[in-house]
Amino acid sequence: MSPTPVALPRALPSELLTYILTHQTYPTTAIICQQRSTFLSSLLTSIPQTPQAQPPPPPADDFSDPQSEPTSDPPPLHPLLVPTLHQIATSRHINLVFIPTLSHLRAYLAVFSTQAEDKGPPEKRFDKPGKKPPLLVVYGLLELHRDTSEWSAQGLGNSVAGLVEAGSRTERKVVLLEERGLDDDLSDAGLEERRKNRFRIWEEGVPMLNGSVRRAGLESEDGGWSGRTVEVGRILARWFKFGKGDWEGDEYD
């Protein structure tokens, strides 16, 4: 029996890669629903860069002992910037795929199989058999549908059904998550508001059928769509359970 698919809260690109490196088991595939250049740009933005070396201060006029002046250590590097042996060995066996259009995603999932992996397995397996299943991670599935005729319960359901079927066919655990922006971390909202924002993406309403038309005027709770709407979370709940990300603090418990 294939593992139950999991939908996680939104994550930065750096948090996505850290999650994959931590939980992956060969063979793991990560589908990025963006252009490669777009994802790399967001990744660089989400990783604190190495601080620039500061020039030494000019000599003081007094005769104070320079060793007595306190020195500040540079901040630690982001874990993704530290090339550990585990990270180097693990990243070689992760299949990263960039799929920027919905039609390409559905075609890829339709033919997805373990034989599609072009990299051989690692020479040694240190994980206990059956401890962790291989992953099929999809990043940005909802945004790939937005502003298209497939932004509906019908369109999302068709894509998610194909994704879950691909995971079941290859005996992989499907993990679904969306991108989070840095602006969310800079928000002045309180803890309760941030808790609500975690699930707001799942509470967004979409029309029932493809090709629905928005009503003119101000936005409403149903997103301004004509006809019935349904929350994204209710669509996913048919296949997925909702989990907590490693990148979330204890305040979200």
C-alpha atoms as a PDB file:
ATOM      1  CA  MET A   1       0.000   0.000   0.000  1.00  0.00           C
ATOM      2  CA  SER A   2       1.404   3.386  -0.996  1.00  0.00           C
ATOM      3  CA  PRO A   3       1.962   6.038   1.724  1.00  0.00           C
ATOM      4  CA  THR A   4      -0.744   8.646   2.349  1.00  0.00           C
ATOM      5  CA  PRO A   5      -0.052  11.889   0.433  1.00  0.00           C
ATOM      6  CA  VAL A   6       0.779  14.902   2.604  1.00  0.00           C
ATOM      7  CA  ALA A   7       0.097  18.610   2.053  1.00  0.00           C
ATOM      8  CA  LEU A   8       2.483  20.867   3.983  1.00  0.00           C
ATOM      9  CA  PRO A   9       2.320  24.608   4.748  1.00  0.00           C
ATOM     10  CA  ARG A  10       3.972  27.060   2.391  1.00  0.00           C
ATOM     11  CA  ALA A  11       7.773  27.054   2.368  1.00  0.00           C
ATOM     12  CA  LEU A  12      10.654  29.121   1.061  1.00  0.00           C
ATOM     13  CA  PRO A  13      12.730  27.505  -1.709  1.00  0.00           C
ATOM     14  CA  SER A  14      15.566  27.016   0.781  1.00  0.00           C
ATOM     15  CA  GLU A  15      13.176  25.310   3.217  1.00  0.00           C
ATOM     16  CA  LEU A  16      11.968  23.047   0.427  1.00  0.00           C
ATOM     17  CA  LEU A  17      15.497  21.866  -0.422  1.00  0.00           C
ATOM     18  CA  THR A  18      16.360  21.363   3.245  1.00  0.00           C
ATOM     19  CA  TYR A  19      13.230  19.251   3.698  1.00  0.00           C
ATOM     20  CA  ILE A  20      14.087  17.091   0.684  1.00  0.00           C
ATOM     21  CA  LEU A  21      17.696  16.564   1.799  1.00  0.00           C
ATOM     22  CA  THR A  22      16.488  15.583   5.269  1.00  0.00           C
ATOM     23  CA  HIS A  23      13.690  13.189   4.318  1.00  0.00           C
ATOM     24  CA  GLN A  24      14.691  11.810   0.927  1.00  0.00           C
ATOM     25  CA  THR A  25      15.190   8.139   0.183  1.00  0.00           C
ATOM     26  CA  TYR A  26      16.354   6.946  -3.229  1.00  0.00           C
ATOM     27  CA  PRO A  27      14.736   7.469  -5.671  1.00  0.00           C
ATOM     28  CA  THR A  28      13.263  10.905  -4.865  1.00  0.00           C
ATOM     29  CA  THR A  29      11.888  13.293  -7.481  1.00  0.00           C
ATOM     30  CA  ALA A  30      11.088  16.977  -6.888  1.00  0.00           C
ATOM     31  CA  ILE A  31       8.852  18.708  -9.431  1.00  0.00           C
ATOM     32  CA  ILE A  32       9.246  22.498  -9.408  1.00  0.00           C
ATOM     33  CA  CYS A  33       6.263  24.143 -11.110  1.00  0.00           C
ATOM     34  CA  GLN A  34       8.297  27.163 -12.228  1.00  0.00           C
ATOM     35  CA  GLN A  35      10.904  28.192 -14.719  1.00  0.00           C
ATOM     36  CA  ARG A  36      14.374  27.144 -13.578  1.00  0.00           C
ATOM     37  CA  SER A  37      15.607  30.752 -13.588  1.00  0.00           C
ATOM     38  CA  THR A  38      12.629  31.892 -11.497  1.00  0.00           C
ATOM     39  CA  PHE A  39      13.211  29.218  -8.873  1.00  0.00           C
ATOM     40  CA  LEU A  40      16.955  29.877  -8.640  1.00  0.00           C
ATOM     41  CA  SER A  41      16.328  33.598  -8.229  1.00  0.00           C
ATOM     42  CA  SER A  42      13.872  32.947  -5.389  1.00  0.00           C
ATOM     43  CA  LEU A  43      16.294  30.461  -3.834  1.00  0.00           C
ATOM     44  CA  LEU A  44      19.160  32.961  -3.780  1.00  0.00           C
ATOM     45  CA  THR A  45      16.874  35.547  -2.222  1.00  0.00           C
ATOM     46  CA  SER A  46      15.758  33.163   0.524  1.00  0.00           C
ATOM     47  CA  ILE A  47      19.298  32.166   1.567  1.00  0.00           C
ATOM     48  CA  PRO A  48      21.261  34.672   3.671  1.00  0.00           C
ATOM     49  CA  GLN A  49      24.475  35.293   1.791  1.00  0.00           C
ATOM     50  CA  THR A  50      27.961  35.212   3.289  1.00  0.00           C
ATOM     51  CA  PRO A  51      28.702  38.578   4.921  1.00  0.00           C
ATOM     52  CA  GLN A  52      31.341  40.658   3.219  1.00  0.00           C
ATOM     53  CA  ALA A  53      34.637  41.057   5.031  1.00  0.00           C
ATOM     54  CA  GLN A  54      34.878  44.465   6.636  1.00  0.00           C
ATOM     55  CA  PRO A  55      38.076  46.514   6.258  1.00  0.00           C
ATOM     56  CA  PRO A  56      40.110  46.940   9.440  1.00  0.00           C
ATOM     57  CA  PRO A  57      39.388  50.134  11.387  1.00  0.00           C
ATOM     58  CA  PRO A  58      41.919  52.955  11.219  1.00  0.00           C
ATOM     59  CA  PRO A  59      44.510  53.020  14.004  1.00  0.00           C
ATOM     60  CA  ALA A  60      43.367  54.854  17.102  1.00  0.00           C
ATOM     61  CA  ASP A  61      45.188  57.875  18.450  1.00  0.00           C
ATOM     62  CA  ASP A  62      45.379  56.477  21.949  1.00  0.00           C
ATOM     63  CA  PHE A  63      47.529  53.579  23.086  1.00  0.00           C
ATOM     64  CA  SER A  64      44.757  51.195  24.085  1.00  0.00           C
ATOM     65  CA  ASP A  65      45.479  47.500  23.787  1.00  0.00           C
ATOM     66  CA  PRO A  66      43.848  46.213  20.553  1.00  0.00           C
ATOM     67  CA  GLN A  67      43.427  42.769  22.094  1.00  0.00           C
ATOM     68  CA  SER A  68      41.131  44.207  24.742  1.00  0.00           C
ATOM     69  CA  GLU A  69      38.587  45.330  22.148  1.00  0.00           C
ATOM     70  CA  PRO A  70      35.735  42.857  21.707  1.00  0.00           C
ATOM     71  CA  THR A  71      35.412  41.159  18.341  1.00  0.00           C
ATOM     72  CA  SER A  72      32.190  39.834  16.900  1.00  0.00           C
ATOM     73  CA  ASP A  73      32.079  36.457  15.185  1.00  0.00           C
ATOM     74  CA  PRO A  74      30.503  36.356  11.717  1.00  0.00           C
ATOM     75  CA  PRO A  75      27.017  34.828  11.574  1.00  0.00           C
ATOM     76  CA  PRO A  76      26.926  31.120  10.714  1.00  0.00           C
ATOM     77  CA  LEU A  77      26.386  30.087   7.118  1.00  0.00           C
ATOM     78  CA  HIS A  78      23.052  28.748   5.953  1.00  0.00           C
ATOM     79  CA  PRO A  79      23.118  24.908   6.036  1.00  0.00           C
ATOM     80  CA  LEU A  80      22.669  24.750   2.255  1.00  0.00           C
ATOM     81  CA  LEU A  81      25.913  26.708   1.831  1.00  0.00           C
ATOM     82  CA  VAL A  82      27.917  24.166   3.833  1.00  0.00           C
ATOM     83  CA  PRO A  83      28.991  21.304   1.493  1.00  0.00           C
ATOM     84  CA  THR A  84      28.823  18.430   3.967  1.00  0.00           C
ATOM     85  CA  LEU A  85      29.543  14.891   2.780  1.00  0.00           C
ATOM     86  CA  HIS A  86      25.937  13.885   3.444  1.00  0.00           C
ATOM     87  CA  GLN A  87      24.595  16.798   1.421  1.00  0.00           C
ATOM     88  CA  ILE A  88      26.913  16.143  -1.519  1.00  0.00           C
ATOM     89  CA  ALA A  89      26.197  12.409  -1.593  1.00  0.00           C
ATOM     90  CA  THR A  90      22.449  12.851  -1.168  1.00  0.00           C
ATOM     91  CA  SER A  91      21.952  15.589  -3.753  1.00  0.00           C
ATOM     92  CA  ARG A  92      23.442  13.379  -6.491  1.00  0.00           C
ATOM     93  CA  HIS A  93      20.463  11.035  -6.247  1.00  0.00           C
ATOM     94  CA  ILE A  94      17.632  13.598  -6.228  1.00  0.00           C
ATOM     95  CA  ASN A  95      15.908  14.121  -9.555  1.00  0.00           C
ATOM     96  CA  LEU A  96      14.975  17.818  -9.871  1.00  0.00           C
ATOM     97  CA  VAL A  97      12.483  18.619 -12.650  1.00  0.00           C
ATOM     98  CA  PHE A  98      11.303  22.091 -13.715  1.00  0.00           C
ATOM     99  CA  ILE A  99       7.832  22.137 -15.292  1.00  0.00           C
ATOM    100  CA  PRO A 100       6.451  25.655 -15.902  1.00  0.00           C
ATOM    101  CA  THR A 101       3.133  24.784 -17.608  1.00  0.00           C
ATOM    102  CA  LEU A 102       0.127  22.728 -16.573  1.00  0.00           C
ATOM    103  CA  SER A 103      -0.026  20.731 -19.797  1.00  0.00           C
ATOM    104  CA  HIS A 104       3.604  19.663 -19.392  1.00  0.00           C
ATOM    105  CA  LEU A 105       2.970  18.668 -15.762  1.00  0.00           C
ATOM    106  CA  ARG A 106       0.040  16.412 -16.637  1.00  0.00           C
ATOM    107  CA  ALA A 107       1.964  14.827 -19.494  1.00  0.00           C
ATOM    108  CA  TYR A 108       4.974  14.203 -17.231  1.00  0.00           C
ATOM    109  CA  LEU A 109       2.838  12.596 -14.516  1.00  0.00           C
ATOM    110  CA  ALA A 110       1.037  10.411 -17.053  1.00  0.00           C
ATOM    111  CA  VAL A 111       4.285   8.688 -18.078  1.00  0.00           C
ATOM    112  CA  PHE A 112       6.112   9.010 -14.752  1.00  0.00           C
ATOM    113  CA  SER A 113       7.746   5.782 -13.610  1.00  0.00           C
ATOM    114  CA  THR A 114      10.784   4.514 -11.756  1.00  0.00           C
ATOM    115  CA  GLN A 115      12.393   3.750 -15.116  1.00  0.00           C
ATOM    116  CA  ALA A 116      12.438   7.493 -15.843  1.00  0.00           C
ATOM    117  CA  GLU A 117      15.288   7.912 -13.385  1.00  0.00           C
ATOM    118  CA  ASP A 118      18.526   8.319 -15.313  1.00  0.00           C
ATOM    119  CA  LYS A 119      20.782   8.065 -12.268  1.00  0.00           C
ATOM    120  CA  GLY A 120      21.737   4.786 -10.715  1.00  0.00           C
ATOM    121  CA  PRO A 121      21.125   4.063  -7.044  1.00  0.00           C
ATOM    122  CA  PRO A 122      23.792   4.793  -4.464  1.00  0.00           C
ATOM    123  CA  GLU A 123      26.290   2.026  -3.922  1.00  0.00           C
ATOM    124  CA  LYS A 124      25.348   1.598  -0.267  1.00  0.00           C
ATOM    125  CA  ARG A 125      22.047   1.996   1.527  1.00  0.00           C
ATOM    126  CA  PHE A 126      22.319   3.013   5.166  1.00  0.00           C
ATOM    127  CA  ASP A 127      18.580   3.442   5.764  1.00  0.00           C
ATOM    128  CA  LYS A 128      16.705   0.572   7.325  1.00  0.00           C
ATOM    129  CA  PRO A 129      14.444  -1.180   4.801  1.00  0.00           C
ATOM    130  CA  GLY A 130      10.918   0.197   4.930  1.00  0.00           C
ATOM    131  CA  LYS A 131      11.839   3.044   7.254  1.00  0.00           C
ATOM    132  CA  LYS A 132      11.231   5.889   4.805  1.00  0.00           C
ATOM    133  CA  PRO A 133       9.542   5.737   1.396  1.00  0.00           C
ATOM    134  CA  PRO A 134      10.949   7.600  -1.608  1.00  0.00           C
ATOM    135  CA  LEU A 135       9.341  10.977  -2.240  1.00  0.00           C
ATOM    136  CA  LEU A 136       7.497  12.625  -5.093  1.00  0.00           C
ATOM    137  CA  VAL A 137       7.515  16.307  -4.115  1.00  0.00           C
ATOM    138  CA  VAL A 138       5.535  18.920  -6.045  1.00  0.00           C
ATOM    139  CA  TYR A 139       6.236  22.601  -5.359  1.00  0.00           C
ATOM    140  CA  GLY A 140       3.779  25.223  -6.619  1.00  0.00           C
ATOM    141  CA  LEU A 141       0.950  23.086  -8.013  1.00  0.00           C
ATOM    142  CA  LEU A 142      -1.789  25.547  -7.062  1.00  0.00           C
ATOM    143  CA  GLU A 143       0.007  28.572  -8.514  1.00  0.00           C
ATOM    144  CA  LEU A 144       0.442  26.658 -11.754  1.00  0.00           C
ATOM    145  CA  HIS A 145      -3.358  26.529 -12.066  1.00  0.00           C
ATOM    146  CA  ARG A 146      -4.022  30.117 -11.014  1.00  0.00           C
ATOM    147  CA  ASP A 147      -5.132  32.549 -13.720  1.00  0.00           C
ATOM    148  CA  THR A 148      -5.856  29.681 -16.117  1.00  0.00           C
ATOM    149  CA  SER A 149      -9.113  28.066 -17.217  1.00  0.00           C
ATOM    150  CA  GLU A 150      -8.150  25.100 -14.986  1.00  0.00           C
ATOM    151  CA  TRP A 151      -8.395  27.179 -11.786  1.00  0.00           C
ATOM    152  CA  SER A 152     -11.408  25.246 -10.518  1.00  0.00           C
ATOM    153  CA  ALA A 153     -12.357  22.207  -8.481  1.00  0.00           C
ATOM    154  CA  GLN A 154     -12.549  20.262 -11.729  1.00  0.00           C
ATOM    155  CA  GLY A 155      -9.106  21.343 -12.939  1.00  0.00           C
ATOM    156  CA  LEU A 156      -7.360  20.924  -9.581  1.00  0.00           C
ATOM    157  CA  GLY A 157      -9.048  17.570  -9.044  1.00  0.00           C
ATOM    158  CA  ASN A 158      -7.837  16.251 -12.391  1.00  0.00           C
ATOM    159  CA  SER A 159      -4.234  17.306 -11.695  1.00  0.00           C
ATOM    160  CA  VAL A 160      -4.178  16.030  -8.118  1.00  0.00           C
ATOM    161  CA  ALA A 161      -5.709  12.711  -9.151  1.00  0.00           C
ATOM    162  CA  GLY A 162      -2.956  12.285 -11.745  1.00  0.00           C
ATOM    163  CA  LEU A 163      -0.313  13.175  -9.156  1.00  0.00           C
ATOM    164  CA  VAL A 164      -1.626  10.727  -6.563  1.00  0.00           C
ATOM    165  CA  GLU A 165      -1.930   7.994  -9.195  1.00  0.00           C
ATOM    166  CA  ALA A 166       1.693   8.563 -10.242  1.00  0.00           C
ATOM    167  CA  GLY A 167       2.809   8.296  -6.624  1.00  0.00           C
ATOM    168  CA  SER A 168       0.816   5.105  -6.082  1.00  0.00           C
ATOM    169  CA  ARG A 169       2.110   3.577  -9.324  1.00  0.00           C
ATOM    170  CA  THR A 170       5.724   4.135  -8.300  1.00  0.00           C
ATOM    171  CA  GLU A 171       5.169   3.499  -4.556  1.00  0.00           C
ATOM    172  CA  ARG A 172       6.277   6.986  -3.562  1.00  0.00           C
ATOM    173  CA  LYS A 173       5.041   9.331  -0.882  1.00  0.00           C
ATOM    174  CA  VAL A 174       3.511  12.414  -2.513  1.00  0.00           C
ATOM    175  CA  VAL A 175       4.322  15.710  -0.765  1.00  0.00           C
ATOM    176  CA  LEU A 176       2.578  18.888  -1.892  1.00  0.00           C
ATOM    177  CA  LEU A 177       3.532  22.423  -0.856  1.00  0.00           C
ATOM    178  CA  GLU A 178       3.382  25.969  -2.179  1.00  0.00           C
ATOM    179  CA  GLU A 179       5.941  28.761  -2.209  1.00  0.00           C
ATOM    180  CA  ARG A 180       6.107  31.241   0.656  1.00  0.00           C
ATOM    181  CA  GLY A 181       7.508  34.713   0.147  1.00  0.00           C
ATOM    182  CA  LEU A 182       9.987  36.512   2.366  1.00  0.00           C
ATOM    183  CA  ASP A 183       7.392  39.239   2.915  1.00  0.00           C
ATOM    184  CA  ASP A 184       5.431  36.801   5.075  1.00  0.00           C
ATOM    185  CA  ASP A 185       8.323  36.693   7.560  1.00  0.00           C
ATOM    186  CA  LEU A 186       8.553  40.486   7.677  1.00  0.00           C
ATOM    187  CA  SER A 187       4.891  40.923   8.516  1.00  0.00           C
ATOM    188  CA  ASP A 188       4.016  42.740  11.741  1.00  0.00           C
ATOM    189  CA  ALA A 189       1.003  40.471  12.271  1.00  0.00           C
ATOM    190  CA  GLY A 190       0.640  38.773  15.622  1.00  0.00           C
ATOM    191  CA  LEU A 191       0.977  35.071  16.334  1.00  0.00           C
ATOM    192  CA  GLU A 192      -2.731  34.383  15.910  1.00  0.00           C
ATOM    193  CA  GLU A 193      -2.775  36.118  12.526  1.00  0.00           C
ATOM    194  CA  ARG A 194       0.288  34.165  11.363  1.00  0.00           C
ATOM    195  CA  ARG A 195      -1.415  30.937  12.380  1.00  0.00           C
ATOM    196  CA  LYS A 196      -4.384  31.838  10.200  1.00  0.00           C
ATOM    197  CA  ASN A 197      -2.093  32.705   7.287  1.00  0.00           C
ATOM    198  CA  ARG A 198      -0.598  29.191   7.385  1.00  0.00           C
ATOM    199  CA  PHE A 199      -3.871  27.691   6.173  1.00  0.00           C
ATOM    200  CA  ARG A 200      -5.254  30.612   4.202  1.00  0.00           C
ATOM    201  CA  ILE A 201      -4.096  29.105   0.933  1.00  0.00           C
ATOM    202  CA  TRP A 202      -6.191  25.990   1.643  1.00  0.00           C
ATOM    203  CA  GLU A 203      -9.217  28.171   2.477  1.00  0.00           C
ATOM    204  CA  GLU A 204      -9.247  29.957  -0.869  1.00  0.00           C
ATOM    205  CA  GLY A 205     -12.404  29.345  -2.859  1.00  0.00           C
ATOM    206  CA  VAL A 206     -12.364  28.155  -6.466  1.00  0.00           C
ATOM    207  CA  PRO A 207     -15.300  27.621  -8.857  1.00  0.00           C
ATOM    208  CA  MET A 208     -16.635  24.137  -9.400  1.00  0.00           C
ATOM    209  CA  LEU A 209     -16.084  23.913 -13.164  1.00  0.00           C
ATOM    210  CA  ASN A 210     -13.418  24.961 -15.655  1.00  0.00           C
ATOM    211  CA  GLY A 211     -13.901  28.199 -17.539  1.00  0.00           C
ATOM    212  CA  SER A 212     -15.932  29.968 -14.833  1.00  0.00           C
ATOM    213  CA  VAL A 213     -16.135  33.750 -15.039  1.00  0.00           C
ATOM    214  CA  ARG A 214     -15.447  36.251 -12.289  1.00  0.00           C
ATOM    215  CA  ARG A 215     -18.154  38.723 -11.397  1.00  0.00           C
ATOM    216  CA  ALA A 216     -17.347  42.383 -11.894  1.00  0.00           C
ATOM    217  CA  GLY A 217     -16.989  44.502  -8.778  1.00  0.00           C
ATOM    218  CA  LEU A 218     -15.356  44.139  -5.396  1.00  0.00           C
ATOM    219  CA  GLU A 219     -13.851  40.887  -4.250  1.00  0.00           C
ATOM    220  CA  SER A 220     -16.048  38.778  -1.985  1.00  0.00           C
ATOM    221  CA  GLU A 221     -15.541  35.765   0.248  1.00  0.00           C
ATOM    222  CA  ASP A 222     -16.088  33.401  -2.668  1.00  0.00           C
ATOM    223  CA  GLY A 223     -13.411  35.122  -4.750  1.00  0.00           C
ATOM    224  CA  GLY A 224     -15.935  36.899  -6.961  1.00  0.00           C
ATOM    225  CA  TRP A 225     -16.748  33.765  -8.969  1.00  0.00           C
ATOM    226  CA  SER A 226     -20.153  33.170 -10.511  1.00  0.00           C
ATOM    227  CA  GLY A 227     -21.850  30.004  -9.316  1.00  0.00           C
ATOM    228  CA  ARG A 228     -20.838  27.686  -6.494  1.00  0.00           C
ATOM    229  CA  THR A 229     -17.311  27.633  -5.094  1.00  0.00           C
ATOM    230  CA  VAL A 230     -15.384  25.170  -2.945  1.00  0.00           C
ATOM    231  CA  GLU A 231     -12.302  25.589  -0.755  1.00  0.00           C
ATOM    232  CA  VAL A 232      -9.000  24.265  -2.079  1.00  0.00           C
ATOM    233  CA  GLY A 233      -8.464  22.362   1.169  1.00  0.00           C
ATOM    234  CA  ARG A 234     -11.676  20.400   0.694  1.00  0.00           C
ATOM    235  CA  ILE A 235     -10.499  19.321  -2.750  1.00  0.00           C
ATOM    236  CA  LEU A 236      -7.139  18.138  -1.429  1.00  0.00           C
ATOM    237  CA  ALA A 237      -8.672  16.460   1.638  1.00  0.00           C
ATOM    238  CA  ARG A 238     -10.023  13.723  -0.609  1.00  0.00           C
ATOM    239  CA  TRP A 239      -6.474  12.408  -1.079  1.00  0.00           C
ATOM    240  CA  PHE A 240      -4.168  14.296   1.308  1.00  0.00           C
ATOM    241  CA  LYS A 241      -3.650  14.709   4.993  1.00  0.00           C
ATOM    242  CA  PHE A 242      -2.369  18.084   6.188  1.00  0.00           C
ATOM    243  CA  GLY A 243       0.920  18.125   8.080  1.00  0.00           C
ATOM    244  CA  LYS A 244       3.388  20.486   9.728  1.00  0.00           C
ATOM    245  CA  GLY A 245       6.631  21.576   8.100  1.00  0.00           C
ATOM    246  CA  ASP A 246      10.053  21.169   9.681  1.00  0.00           C
ATOM    247  CA  TRP A 247      10.596  24.915   9.161  1.00  0.00           C
ATOM    248  CA  GLU A 248       7.735  25.912  11.476  1.00  0.00           C
ATOM    249  CA  GLY A 249       8.377  26.888  15.063  1.00  0.00           C
ATOM    250  CA  ASP A 250       6.823  25.409  18.179  1.00  0.00           C
ATOM    251  CA  GLU A 251       4.416  28.350  18.406  1.00  0.00           C
ATOM    252  CA  TYR A 252       2.315  26.712  15.667  1.00  0.00           C
ATOM    253  CA  ASP A 253       1.648  23.578  17.725  1.00  0.00           C
END
